[in-house]
């Protein structure tokens, strides 16, 4: 599941209600950085932050490796779509 919000602020919490039956939620944003506390809270609720690669450098260095790029997300989706399905 990929939700899209221009900014995170407290709006990321809307994703929790919008997809309450989905375990891991992905949130795409173009917001240029968030606080460490906000990021940790998002992670605690299984929200994976997704941003365009060119703005990751605007996030705190301690969390950059935990942020997924949009390209990385699309690669994961492509892998899921192309994965051969087992026949019953």
N, C-alpha and C. Protein backbone atom coordinates (compact mmCIF):
# COMPACT_ATOMS: atom_id res chain seq x y z
N UNK A 1 0.84 -1.16 0.00
CA UNK A 1 0.00 0.00 0.00
C UNK A 1 0.90 1.23 0.00
N UNK A 2 0.62 2.13 -0.90
CA UNK A 2 1.38 3.37 -0.97
C UNK A 2 0.42 4.54 -0.81
N UNK A 3 0.60 5.30 0.24
CA UNK A 3 -0.15 6.53 0.45
C UNK A 3 0.74 7.68 -0.01
N UNK A 4 0.12 8.76 -0.42
CA UNK A 4 0.87 9.93 -0.88
C UNK A 4 0.38 11.15 -0.13
N UNK A 5 1.30 11.83 0.52
CA UNK A 5 1.00 13.07 1.23
C UNK A 5 2.11 14.05 0.89
N UNK A 6 1.75 15.27 0.55
CA UNK A 6 2.75 16.28 0.22
C UNK A 6 3.68 16.50 1.40
N UNK A 7 3.09 16.62 2.59
CA UNK A 7 3.88 16.77 3.81
C UNK A 7 3.44 15.71 4.81
N UNK A 8 4.32 15.39 5.74
CA UNK A 8 4.02 14.37 6.74
C UNK A 8 3.30 14.97 7.95
N UNK A 9 3.94 15.93 8.58
CA UNK A 9 3.44 16.52 9.83
C UNK A 9 2.63 15.49 10.58
N UNK A 10 1.41 15.79 10.92
CA UNK A 10 0.55 14.80 11.58
C UNK A 10 -0.32 14.07 10.57
N UNK A 11 -0.23 14.44 9.31
CA UNK A 11 -1.06 13.82 8.28
C UNK A 11 -0.70 12.36 8.04
N UNK A 12 0.52 11.96 8.41
CA UNK A 12 0.90 10.57 8.21
C UNK A 12 0.02 9.64 9.02
N UNK A 13 -0.55 10.15 10.11
CA UNK A 13 -1.44 9.34 10.94
C UNK A 13 -2.71 8.95 10.19
N UNK A 14 -3.10 9.74 9.21
CA UNK A 14 -4.27 9.40 8.40
C UNK A 14 -4.07 8.06 7.70
N UNK A 15 -2.84 7.76 7.36
CA UNK A 15 -2.52 6.51 6.68
C UNK A 15 -2.88 5.32 7.57
N UNK A 16 -2.70 5.46 8.87
CA UNK A 16 -3.01 4.38 9.79
C UNK A 16 -4.49 4.00 9.71
N UNK A 17 -5.34 5.00 9.60
CA UNK A 17 -6.78 4.75 9.49
C UNK A 17 -7.19 4.32 8.09
N UNK A 18 -6.55 4.89 7.09
CA UNK A 18 -6.90 4.58 5.70
C UNK A 18 -6.56 3.14 5.33
N UNK A 19 -5.56 2.58 5.98
CA UNK A 19 -5.10 1.23 5.64
C UNK A 19 -4.93 0.40 6.91
N UNK A 20 -5.92 0.44 7.77
CA UNK A 20 -5.77 -0.20 9.08
C UNK A 20 -5.65 -1.72 9.02
N UNK A 21 -6.01 -2.35 7.89
CA UNK A 21 -5.90 -3.80 7.78
C UNK A 21 -4.61 -4.26 7.10
N UNK A 22 -3.79 -3.31 6.74
CA UNK A 22 -2.54 -3.62 6.04
C UNK A 22 -1.39 -3.47 7.03
N UNK A 23 -0.52 -4.47 7.07
CA UNK A 23 0.60 -4.43 8.00
C UNK A 23 1.55 -3.29 7.73
N UNK A 24 2.35 -3.43 6.69
CA UNK A 24 3.35 -2.41 6.36
C UNK A 24 2.75 -1.42 5.37
N UNK A 25 2.83 -0.17 5.74
CA UNK A 25 2.31 0.89 4.89
C UNK A 25 3.47 1.73 4.38
N UNK A 26 3.40 2.16 3.15
CA UNK A 26 4.42 3.02 2.56
C UNK A 26 3.83 4.40 2.38
N UNK A 27 4.61 5.41 2.72
CA UNK A 27 4.16 6.79 2.61
C UNK A 27 5.14 7.57 1.75
N UNK A 28 4.67 7.98 0.59
CA UNK A 28 5.48 8.79 -0.33
C UNK A 28 5.23 10.25 -0.02
N UNK A 29 6.31 10.99 0.14
CA UNK A 29 6.20 12.43 0.41
C UNK A 29 7.33 13.16 -0.29
N UNK A 30 7.11 14.44 -0.51
CA UNK A 30 8.18 15.30 -1.03
C UNK A 30 8.63 16.30 0.03
N UNK A 31 8.17 16.07 1.26
CA UNK A 31 8.61 16.92 2.37
C UNK A 31 10.12 16.81 2.52
N UNK A 32 10.76 17.92 2.73
CA UNK A 32 12.21 17.95 2.80
C UNK A 32 12.70 17.82 4.23
N UNK A 33 12.61 16.62 4.77
CA UNK A 33 13.09 16.34 6.12
C UNK A 33 11.97 16.29 7.14
N UNK A 34 12.16 15.44 8.15
CA UNK A 34 11.25 15.35 9.29
C UNK A 34 12.12 15.17 10.54
N UNK A 35 11.51 15.34 11.70
CA UNK A 35 12.26 15.18 12.95
C UNK A 35 12.56 13.71 13.19
N UNK A 36 13.59 13.44 13.96
CA UNK A 36 13.92 12.06 14.32
C UNK A 36 12.79 11.41 15.10
N UNK A 37 12.18 12.18 16.00
CA UNK A 37 11.07 11.64 16.78
C UNK A 37 9.89 11.24 15.89
N UNK A 38 9.57 12.09 14.95
CA UNK A 38 8.46 11.78 14.04
C UNK A 38 8.79 10.53 13.23
N UNK A 39 10.01 10.44 12.75
CA UNK A 39 10.41 9.27 11.97
C UNK A 39 10.31 8.00 12.80
N UNK A 40 10.79 8.05 14.03
CA UNK A 40 10.74 6.87 14.90
C UNK A 40 9.30 6.46 15.19
N UNK A 41 8.44 7.43 15.37
CA UNK A 41 7.03 7.13 15.62
C UNK A 41 6.39 6.47 14.39
N UNK A 42 6.73 6.97 13.22
CA UNK A 42 6.21 6.37 11.99
C UNK A 42 6.67 4.93 11.88
N UNK A 43 7.93 4.68 12.14
CA UNK A 43 8.47 3.32 12.06
C UNK A 43 7.81 2.40 13.07
N UNK A 44 7.52 2.92 14.25
CA UNK A 44 6.87 2.12 15.30
C UNK A 44 5.48 1.67 14.87
N UNK A 45 4.88 2.40 13.94
CA UNK A 45 3.56 2.05 13.41
C UNK A 45 3.65 1.37 12.04
N UNK A 46 4.82 0.86 11.70
CA UNK A 46 5.03 0.15 10.43
C UNK A 46 4.77 1.01 9.20
N UNK A 47 5.10 2.28 9.28
CA UNK A 47 4.99 3.17 8.13
C UNK A 47 6.39 3.36 7.57
N UNK A 48 6.58 2.93 6.32
CA UNK A 48 7.86 3.07 5.63
C UNK A 48 7.85 4.36 4.83
N UNK A 49 8.76 5.26 5.14
CA UNK A 49 8.85 6.53 4.43
C UNK A 49 9.50 6.30 3.07
N UNK A 50 8.88 6.87 2.04
CA UNK A 50 9.38 6.77 0.67
C UNK A 50 9.51 8.19 0.13
N UNK A 51 10.69 8.53 -0.39
CA UNK A 51 10.92 9.87 -0.94
C UNK A 51 11.71 9.76 -2.24
N UNK A 52 11.60 10.75 -3.12
CA UNK A 52 12.46 10.78 -4.30
C UNK A 52 13.93 10.81 -3.88
N UNK A 53 14.77 10.12 -4.60
CA UNK A 53 16.19 9.97 -4.24
C UNK A 53 16.90 11.31 -4.04
N UNK A 54 16.54 12.30 -4.80
CA UNK A 54 17.27 13.56 -4.72
C UNK A 54 16.99 14.37 -3.45
N UNK A 55 16.01 13.98 -2.63
CA UNK A 55 15.79 14.73 -1.39
C UNK A 55 16.19 13.95 -0.13
N UNK A 56 16.66 12.72 -0.28
CA UNK A 56 17.10 11.97 0.91
C UNK A 56 18.20 12.73 1.64
N UNK A 57 19.05 13.41 0.92
CA UNK A 57 20.14 14.15 1.56
C UNK A 57 19.65 15.26 2.49
N UNK A 58 18.39 15.61 2.39
CA UNK A 58 17.81 16.65 3.24
C UNK A 58 17.29 16.08 4.57
N UNK A 59 17.36 14.77 4.72
CA UNK A 59 16.93 14.11 5.95
C UNK A 59 18.15 13.90 6.86
N UNK A 60 17.89 13.76 8.14
CA UNK A 60 18.96 13.56 9.12
C UNK A 60 19.80 12.36 8.73
N UNK A 61 21.10 12.47 8.86
CA UNK A 61 22.02 11.41 8.42
C UNK A 61 21.77 10.08 9.12
N UNK A 62 21.24 10.11 10.34
CA UNK A 62 21.02 8.87 11.08
C UNK A 62 19.87 8.03 10.55
N UNK A 63 19.00 8.62 9.74
CA UNK A 63 17.84 7.86 9.24
C UNK A 63 17.84 7.66 7.73
N UNK A 64 18.76 8.27 7.03
CA UNK A 64 18.77 8.17 5.57
C UNK A 64 18.77 6.74 5.07
N UNK A 65 19.49 5.86 5.74
CA UNK A 65 19.57 4.47 5.28
C UNK A 65 18.26 3.72 5.49
N UNK A 66 17.37 4.26 6.31
CA UNK A 66 16.09 3.60 6.58
C UNK A 66 14.96 4.15 5.72
N UNK A 67 15.26 5.14 4.90
CA UNK A 67 14.26 5.74 4.03
C UNK A 67 14.35 5.06 2.67
N UNK A 68 13.21 4.69 2.13
CA UNK A 68 13.18 4.04 0.83
C UNK A 68 13.02 5.10 -0.26
N UNK A 69 13.75 4.93 -1.34
CA UNK A 69 13.57 5.84 -2.46
C UNK A 69 12.35 5.41 -3.26
N UNK A 70 11.80 6.34 -4.00
CA UNK A 70 10.67 6.01 -4.86
C UNK A 70 11.08 4.94 -5.87
N UNK A 71 12.29 5.06 -6.38
CA UNK A 71 12.79 4.07 -7.33
C UNK A 71 12.88 2.69 -6.68
N UNK A 72 13.33 2.64 -5.42
CA UNK A 72 13.41 1.38 -4.69
C UNK A 72 12.04 0.77 -4.48
N UNK A 73 11.06 1.61 -4.15
CA UNK A 73 9.69 1.12 -3.97
C UNK A 73 9.17 0.53 -5.28
N UNK A 74 9.36 1.24 -6.37
CA UNK A 74 8.89 0.76 -7.67
C UNK A 74 9.58 -0.54 -8.05
N UNK A 75 10.86 -0.67 -7.69
CA UNK A 75 11.58 -1.91 -7.94
C UNK A 75 10.98 -3.07 -7.17
N UNK A 76 10.59 -2.84 -5.92
CA UNK A 76 9.96 -3.89 -5.12
C UNK A 76 8.62 -4.30 -5.72
N UNK A 77 7.85 -3.32 -6.15
CA UNK A 77 6.55 -3.61 -6.76
C UNK A 77 6.76 -4.42 -8.04
N UNK A 78 7.72 -4.02 -8.84
CA UNK A 78 8.00 -4.73 -10.09
C UNK A 78 8.38 -6.18 -9.81
N UNK A 79 9.19 -6.41 -8.79
CA UNK A 79 9.59 -7.76 -8.40
C UNK A 79 8.38 -8.59 -8.01
N UNK A 80 7.46 -7.99 -7.26
CA UNK A 80 6.25 -8.69 -6.84
C UNK A 80 5.38 -9.05 -8.03
N UNK A 81 5.26 -8.13 -8.97
CA UNK A 81 4.42 -8.35 -10.13
C UNK A 81 5.00 -9.41 -11.04
N UNK A 82 6.31 -9.42 -11.18
CA UNK A 82 6.97 -10.37 -12.09
C UNK A 82 7.22 -11.72 -11.45
N UNK A 83 7.06 -11.83 -10.15
CA UNK A 83 7.32 -13.08 -9.44
C UNK A 83 6.38 -14.17 -9.95
N UNK A 84 6.94 -15.30 -10.38
CA UNK A 84 6.07 -16.38 -10.87
C UNK A 84 5.18 -16.89 -9.75
N UNK A 85 3.94 -17.12 -10.09
CA UNK A 85 3.00 -17.62 -9.09
C UNK A 85 2.97 -19.13 -9.12
N UNK A 86 2.88 -19.70 -7.92
CA UNK A 86 2.81 -21.16 -7.81
C UNK A 86 1.44 -21.63 -8.27
N UNK A 87 1.44 -22.72 -8.99
CA UNK A 87 0.17 -23.29 -9.42
C UNK A 87 -0.32 -24.26 -8.36
N UNK A 88 -1.61 -24.28 -8.14
CA UNK A 88 -2.19 -25.18 -7.14
C UNK A 88 -2.40 -26.56 -7.70
